[in-house]
């Protein structure tokens, strides 16, 4: 069965690198802990407000 999991992360100016590493760790932990064997797709979308990037949504599509 194909499933979708989303992960969100607010972005703070000058701390984006750390936030991206934390988001990567959360996604990798989910894949490892869930023993996901088949990742179909991973994509990122930026959320914005008044033209400024304020967050990131990562979508993981996988088959269990």
PDB file of N, CA and C in Angstrom:
ATOM      1  N   UNK A   1       0.837  -1.167   0.000  1.00  0.00           N
ATOM      2  CA  UNK A   1       0.000   0.000   0.000  1.00  0.00           C
ATOM      3  C   UNK A   1       0.892   1.244   0.000  1.00  0.00           C
ATOM      4  N   UNK A   2       0.613   2.185  -0.866  1.00  0.00           N
ATOM      5  CA  UNK A   2       1.376   3.427  -0.934  1.00  0.00           C
ATOM      6  C   UNK A   2       0.859   4.379   0.135  1.00  0.00           C
ATOM      7  N   UNK A   3       1.802   5.010   0.862  1.00  0.00           N
ATOM      8  CA  UNK A   3       1.455   5.937   1.929  1.00  0.00           C
ATOM      9  C   UNK A   3       2.218   7.237   1.732  1.00  0.00           C
ATOM     10  N   UNK A   4       1.699   8.309   2.348  1.00  0.00           N
ATOM     11  CA  UNK A   4       2.326   9.623   2.287  1.00  0.00           C
ATOM     12  C   UNK A   4       2.505  10.135   3.704  1.00  0.00           C
ATOM     13  N   UNK A   5       3.683  10.688   3.995  1.00  0.00           N
ATOM     14  CA  UNK A   5       3.974  11.277   5.303  1.00  0.00           C
ATOM     15  C   UNK A   5       4.550  12.661   5.056  1.00  0.00           C
ATOM     16  N   UNK A   6       4.059  13.664   5.779  1.00  0.00           N
ATOM     17  CA  UNK A   6       4.593  15.015   5.635  1.00  0.00           C
ATOM     18  C   UNK A   6       5.320  15.416   6.915  1.00  0.00           C
ATOM     19  N   UNK A   7       6.350  16.222   6.741  1.00  0.00           N
ATOM     20  CA  UNK A   7       7.142  16.755   7.842  1.00  0.00           C
ATOM     21  C   UNK A   7       7.232  18.260   7.629  1.00  0.00           C
ATOM     22  N   UNK A   8       7.012  19.047   8.655  1.00  0.00           N
ATOM     23  CA  UNK A   8       7.100  20.499   8.536  1.00  0.00           C
ATOM     24  C   UNK A   8       8.201  21.049   9.411  1.00  0.00           C
ATOM     25  N   UNK A   9       8.757  22.171   8.999  1.00  0.00           N
ATOM     26  CA  UNK A   9       9.840  22.797   9.738  1.00  0.00           C
ATOM     27  C   UNK A   9       9.752  24.307   9.545  1.00  0.00           C
ATOM     28  N   UNK A  10       9.595  25.080  10.630  1.00  0.00           N
ATOM     29  CA  UNK A  10       9.639  26.536  10.489  1.00  0.00           C
ATOM     30  C   UNK A  10      11.079  26.971  10.220  1.00  0.00           C
ATOM     31  N   UNK A  11      11.236  28.037   9.468  1.00  0.00           N
ATOM     32  CA  UNK A  11      12.569  28.537   9.151  1.00  0.00           C
ATOM     33  C   UNK A  11      12.826  29.837   9.898  1.00  0.00           C
ATOM     34  N   UNK A  12      13.981  29.921  10.543  1.00  0.00           N
ATOM     35  CA  UNK A  12      14.402  31.117  11.261  1.00  0.00           C
ATOM     36  C   UNK A  12      15.602  31.697  10.516  1.00  0.00           C
ATOM     37  N   UNK A  13      15.613  32.991  10.250  1.00  0.00           N
ATOM     38  CA  UNK A  13      16.747  33.568   9.527  1.00  0.00           C
ATOM     39  C   UNK A  13      18.083  33.187  10.174  1.00  0.00           C
ATOM     40  N   UNK A  14      19.052  32.889   9.347  1.00  0.00           N
ATOM     41  CA  UNK A  14      20.420  32.570   9.736  1.00  0.00           C
ATOM     42  C   UNK A  14      20.573  31.220  10.428  1.00  0.00           C
ATOM     43  N   UNK A  15      19.525  30.428  10.492  1.00  0.00           N
ATOM     44  CA  UNK A  15      19.608  29.115  11.119  1.00  0.00           C
ATOM     45  C   UNK A  15      19.107  28.021  10.184  1.00  0.00           C
ATOM     46  N   UNK A  16      18.985  28.320   8.912  1.00  0.00           N
ATOM     47  CA  UNK A  16      18.376  27.396   7.966  1.00  0.00           C
ATOM     48  C   UNK A  16      19.183  26.111   7.835  1.00  0.00           C
ATOM     49  N   UNK A  17      20.508  26.197   7.810  1.00  0.00           N
ATOM     50  CA  UNK A  17      21.334  24.994   7.660  1.00  0.00           C
ATOM     51  C   UNK A  17      21.057  23.995   8.786  1.00  0.00           C
ATOM     52  N   UNK A  18      20.981  24.479  10.010  1.00  0.00           N
ATOM     53  CA  UNK A  18      20.699  23.610  11.165  1.00  0.00           C
ATOM     54  C   UNK A  18      19.298  23.019  11.049  1.00  0.00           C
ATOM     55  N   UNK A  19      18.337  23.834  10.646  1.00  0.00           N
ATOM     56  CA  UNK A  19      16.959  23.366  10.518  1.00  0.00           C
ATOM     57  C   UNK A  19      16.837  22.294   9.443  1.00  0.00           C
ATOM     58  N   UNK A  20      17.551  22.464   8.322  1.00  0.00           N
ATOM     59  CA  UNK A  20      17.528  21.448   7.268  1.00  0.00           C
ATOM     60  C   UNK A  20      18.160  20.147   7.743  1.00  0.00           C
ATOM     61  N   UNK A  21      19.223  20.236   8.516  1.00  0.00           N
ATOM     62  CA  UNK A  21      19.844  19.021   9.065  1.00  0.00           C
ATOM     63  C   UNK A  21      18.893  18.319  10.030  1.00  0.00           C
ATOM     64  N   UNK A  22      18.166  19.092  10.838  1.00  0.00           N
ATOM     65  CA  UNK A  22      17.191  18.502  11.764  1.00  0.00           C
ATOM     66  C   UNK A  22      16.053  17.829  10.993  1.00  0.00           C
ATOM     67  N   UNK A  23      15.588  18.472   9.922  1.00  0.00           N
ATOM     68  CA  UNK A  23      14.528  17.889   9.105  1.00  0.00           C
ATOM     69  C   UNK A  23      15.014  16.606   8.435  1.00  0.00           C
ATOM     70  N   UNK A  24      16.230  16.615   7.891  1.00  0.00           N
ATOM     71  CA  UNK A  24      16.809  15.405   7.302  1.00  0.00           C
ATOM     72  C   UNK A  24      16.853  14.276   8.324  1.00  0.00           C
ATOM     73  N   UNK A  25      17.265  14.601   9.550  1.00  0.00           N
ATOM     74  CA  UNK A  25      17.350  13.581  10.604  1.00  0.00           C
ATOM     75  C   UNK A  25      15.973  13.014  10.933  1.00  0.00           C
ATOM     76  N   UNK A  26      14.950  13.877  11.030  1.00  0.00           N
ATOM     77  CA  UNK A  26      13.596  13.394  11.325  1.00  0.00           C
ATOM     78  C   UNK A  26      13.093  12.442  10.246  1.00  0.00           C
ATOM     79  N   UNK A  27      13.337  12.798   8.978  1.00  0.00           N
ATOM     80  CA  UNK A  27      12.885  11.955   7.877  1.00  0.00           C
ATOM     81  C   UNK A  27      13.667  10.639   7.874  1.00  0.00           C
ATOM     82  N   UNK A  28      14.982  10.711   8.021  1.00  0.00           N
ATOM     83  CA  UNK A  28      15.795   9.491   8.039  1.00  0.00           C
ATOM     84  C   UNK A  28      15.442   8.585   9.213  1.00  0.00           C
ATOM     85  N   UNK A  29      15.176   9.173  10.373  1.00  0.00           N
ATOM     86  CA  UNK A  29      14.747   8.378  11.541  1.00  0.00           C
ATOM     87  C   UNK A  29      13.426   7.678  11.258  1.00  0.00           C
ATOM     88  N   UNK A  30      12.487   8.399  10.623  1.00  0.00           N
ATOM     89  CA  UNK A  30      11.190   7.805  10.288  1.00  0.00           C
ATOM     90  C   UNK A  30      11.369   6.615   9.343  1.00  0.00           C
ATOM     91  N   UNK A  31      12.222   6.786   8.338  1.00  0.00           N
ATOM     92  CA  UNK A  31      12.474   5.695   7.385  1.00  0.00           C
ATOM     93  C   UNK A  31      13.120   4.505   8.089  1.00  0.00           C
ATOM     94  N   UNK A  32      14.117   4.775   8.914  1.00  0.00           N
ATOM     95  CA  UNK A  32      14.811   3.703   9.622  1.00  0.00           C
ATOM     96  C   UNK A  32      13.891   3.012  10.635  1.00  0.00           C
ATOM     97  N   UNK A  33      13.252   3.795  11.497  1.00  0.00           N
ATOM     98  CA  UNK A  33      12.412   3.222  12.558  1.00  0.00           C
ATOM     99  C   UNK A  33      11.203   2.501  11.994  1.00  0.00           C
ATOM    100  N   UNK A  34      10.676   2.993  10.875  1.00  0.00           N
ATOM    101  CA  UNK A  34       9.525   2.358  10.241  1.00  0.00           C
ATOM    102  C   UNK A  34       9.904   1.227   9.311  1.00  0.00           C
ATOM    103  N   UNK A  35      11.212   0.972   9.209  1.00  0.00           N
ATOM    104  CA  UNK A  35      11.746  -0.084   8.337  1.00  0.00           C
ATOM    105  C   UNK A  35      11.174   0.040   6.918  1.00  0.00           C
ATOM    106  N   UNK A  36      11.156   1.281   6.426  1.00  0.00           N
ATOM    107  CA  UNK A  36      10.668   1.563   5.075  1.00  0.00           C
ATOM    108  C   UNK A  36      11.699   1.031   4.079  1.00  0.00           C
ATOM    109  N   UNK A  37      11.267   0.182   3.179  1.00  0.00           N
ATOM    110  CA  UNK A  37      12.176  -0.433   2.209  1.00  0.00           C
ATOM    111  C   UNK A  37      12.105   0.234   0.835  1.00  0.00           C
ATOM    112  N   UNK A  38      10.979   0.877   0.524  1.00  0.00           N
ATOM    113  CA  UNK A  38      10.789   1.409  -0.816  1.00  0.00           C
ATOM    114  C   UNK A  38      10.285   2.855  -0.746  1.00  0.00           C
ATOM    115  N   UNK A  39      11.200   3.807  -0.931  1.00  0.00           N
ATOM    116  CA  UNK A  39      10.832   5.223  -0.999  1.00  0.00           C
ATOM    117  C   UNK A  39      10.550   5.555  -2.455  1.00  0.00           C
ATOM    118  N   UNK A  40       9.362   6.058  -2.719  1.00  0.00           N
ATOM    119  CA  UNK A  40       8.959   6.382  -4.086  1.00  0.00           C
ATOM    120  C   UNK A  40       9.360   7.806  -4.442  1.00  0.00           C
ATOM    121  N   UNK A  41       9.159   8.732  -3.515  1.00  0.00           N
ATOM    122  CA  UNK A  41       9.430  10.135  -3.815  1.00  0.00           C
ATOM    123  C   UNK A  41       9.655  10.919  -2.529  1.00  0.00           C
ATOM    124  N   UNK A  42      10.533  11.913  -2.620  1.00  0.00           N
ATOM    125  CA  UNK A  42      10.725  12.890  -1.549  1.00  0.00           C
ATOM    126  C   UNK A  42      10.736  14.258  -2.223  1.00  0.00           C
ATOM    127  N   UNK A  43       9.911  15.174  -1.735  1.00  0.00           N
ATOM    128  CA  UNK A  43       9.899  16.504  -2.330  1.00  0.00           C
ATOM    129  C   UNK A  43       9.742  17.565  -1.249  1.00  0.00           C
ATOM    130  N   UNK A  44      10.255  18.739  -1.537  1.00  0.00           N
ATOM    131  CA  UNK A  44      10.182  19.865  -0.609  1.00  0.00           C
ATOM    132  C   UNK A  44       9.377  20.995  -1.235  1.00  0.00           C
ATOM    133  N   UNK A  45       8.641  21.709  -0.386  1.00  0.00           N
ATOM    134  CA  UNK A  45       7.927  22.905  -0.808  1.00  0.00           C
ATOM    135  C   UNK A  45       8.125  23.964   0.270  1.00  0.00           C
ATOM    136  N   UNK A  46       8.385  25.173  -0.159  1.00  0.00           N
ATOM    137  CA  UNK A  46       8.597  26.279   0.771  1.00  0.00           C
ATOM    138  C   UNK A  46       7.269  26.972   1.032  1.00  0.00           C
ATOM    139  N   UNK A  47       7.009  27.277   2.297  1.00  0.00           N
ATOM    140  CA  UNK A  47       5.844  28.089   2.635  1.00  0.00           C
ATOM    141  C   UNK A  47       6.317  29.529   2.790  1.00  0.00           C
ATOM    142  N   UNK A  48       5.468  30.462   2.413  1.00  0.00           N
ATOM    143  CA  UNK A  48       5.897  31.859   2.474  1.00  0.00           C
ATOM    144  C   UNK A  48       4.761  32.745   2.964  1.00  0.00           C
ATOM    145  N   UNK A  49       5.177  33.920   3.422  1.00  0.00           N
ATOM    146  CA  UNK A  49       4.238  34.934   3.867  1.00  0.00           C
ATOM    147  C   UNK A  49       4.822  36.288   3.479  1.00  0.00           C
ATOM    148  N   UNK A  50       4.080  37.064   2.753  1.00  0.00           N
ATOM    149  CA  UNK A  50       4.524  38.388   2.300  1.00  0.00           C
ATOM    150  C   UNK A  50       5.850  38.319   1.553  1.00  0.00           C
ATOM    151  N   UNK A  51       6.049  37.264   0.795  1.00  0.00           N
ATOM    152  CA  UNK A  51       7.262  37.127  -0.009  1.00  0.00           C
ATOM    153  C   UNK A  51       8.455  36.553   0.713  1.00  0.00           C
ATOM    154  N   UNK A  52       8.345  36.285   2.011  1.00  0.00           N
ATOM    155  CA  UNK A  52       9.446  35.725   2.788  1.00  0.00           C
ATOM    156  C   UNK A  52       9.214  34.245   3.041  1.00  0.00           C
ATOM    157  N   UNK A  53      10.259  33.448   2.913  1.00  0.00           N
ATOM    158  CA  UNK A  53      10.164  32.017   3.227  1.00  0.00           C
ATOM    159  C   UNK A  53      10.076  31.860   4.728  1.00  0.00           C
ATOM    160  N   UNK A  54       9.036  31.155   5.185  1.00  0.00           N
ATOM    161  CA  UNK A  54       8.847  31.009   6.628  1.00  0.00           C
ATOM    162  C   UNK A  54       8.826  29.552   7.069  1.00  0.00           C
ATOM    163  N   UNK A  55       8.823  28.625   6.125  1.00  0.00           N
ATOM    164  CA  UNK A  55       8.771  27.223   6.510  1.00  0.00           C
ATOM    165  C   UNK A  55       9.040  26.312   5.343  1.00  0.00           C
ATOM    166  N   UNK A  56       9.178  25.047   5.653  1.00  0.00           N
ATOM    167  CA  UNK A  56       9.450  24.039   4.644  1.00  0.00           C
ATOM    168  C   UNK A  56       8.599  22.819   4.945  1.00  0.00           C
ATOM    169  N   UNK A  57       7.979  22.267   3.911  1.00  0.00           N
ATOM    170  CA  UNK A  57       7.213  21.037   4.039  1.00  0.00           C
ATOM    171  C   UNK A  57       7.899  19.996   3.174  1.00  0.00           C
ATOM    172  N   UNK A  58       8.247  18.873   3.775  1.00  0.00           N
ATOM    173  CA  UNK A  58       8.850  17.763   3.036  1.00  0.00           C
ATOM    174  C   UNK A  58       7.826  16.640   2.976  1.00  0.00           C
ATOM    175  N   UNK A  59       7.584  16.127   1.785  1.00  0.00           N
ATOM    176  CA  UNK A  59       6.607  15.055   1.570  1.00  0.00           C
ATOM    177  C   UNK A  59       7.357  13.800   1.176  1.00  0.00           C
ATOM    178  N   UNK A  60       7.089  12.721   1.889  1.00  0.00           N
ATOM    179  CA  UNK A  60       7.703  11.430   1.639  1.00  0.00           C
ATOM    180  C   UNK A  60       6.612  10.466   1.177  1.00  0.00           C
ATOM    181  N   UNK A  61       6.782   9.899  -0.001  1.00  0.00           N
ATOM    182  CA  UNK A  61       5.847   8.902  -0.521  1.00  0.00           C
ATOM    183  C   UNK A  61       6.586   7.577  -0.497  1.00  0.00           C
ATOM    184  N   UNK A  62       5.978   6.575   0.139  1.00  0.00           N
ATOM    185  CA  UNK A  62       6.651   5.300   0.289  1.00  0.00           C
ATOM    186  C   UNK A  62       5.661   4.149   0.200  1.00  0.00           C
ATOM    187  N   UNK A  63       6.198   2.975  -0.012  1.00  0.00           N
ATOM    188  CA  UNK A  63       5.399   1.765  -0.108  1.00  0.00           C
ATOM    189  C   UNK A  63       5.831   0.844   1.018  1.00  0.00           C
ATOM    190  N   UNK A  64       4.878   0.397   1.798  1.00  0.00           N
ATOM    191  CA  UNK A  64       5.244  -0.537   2.865  1.00  0.00           C
ATOM    192  C   UNK A  64       4.855  -1.920   2.467  1.00  0.00           C
TER     193      UNK A  64
END
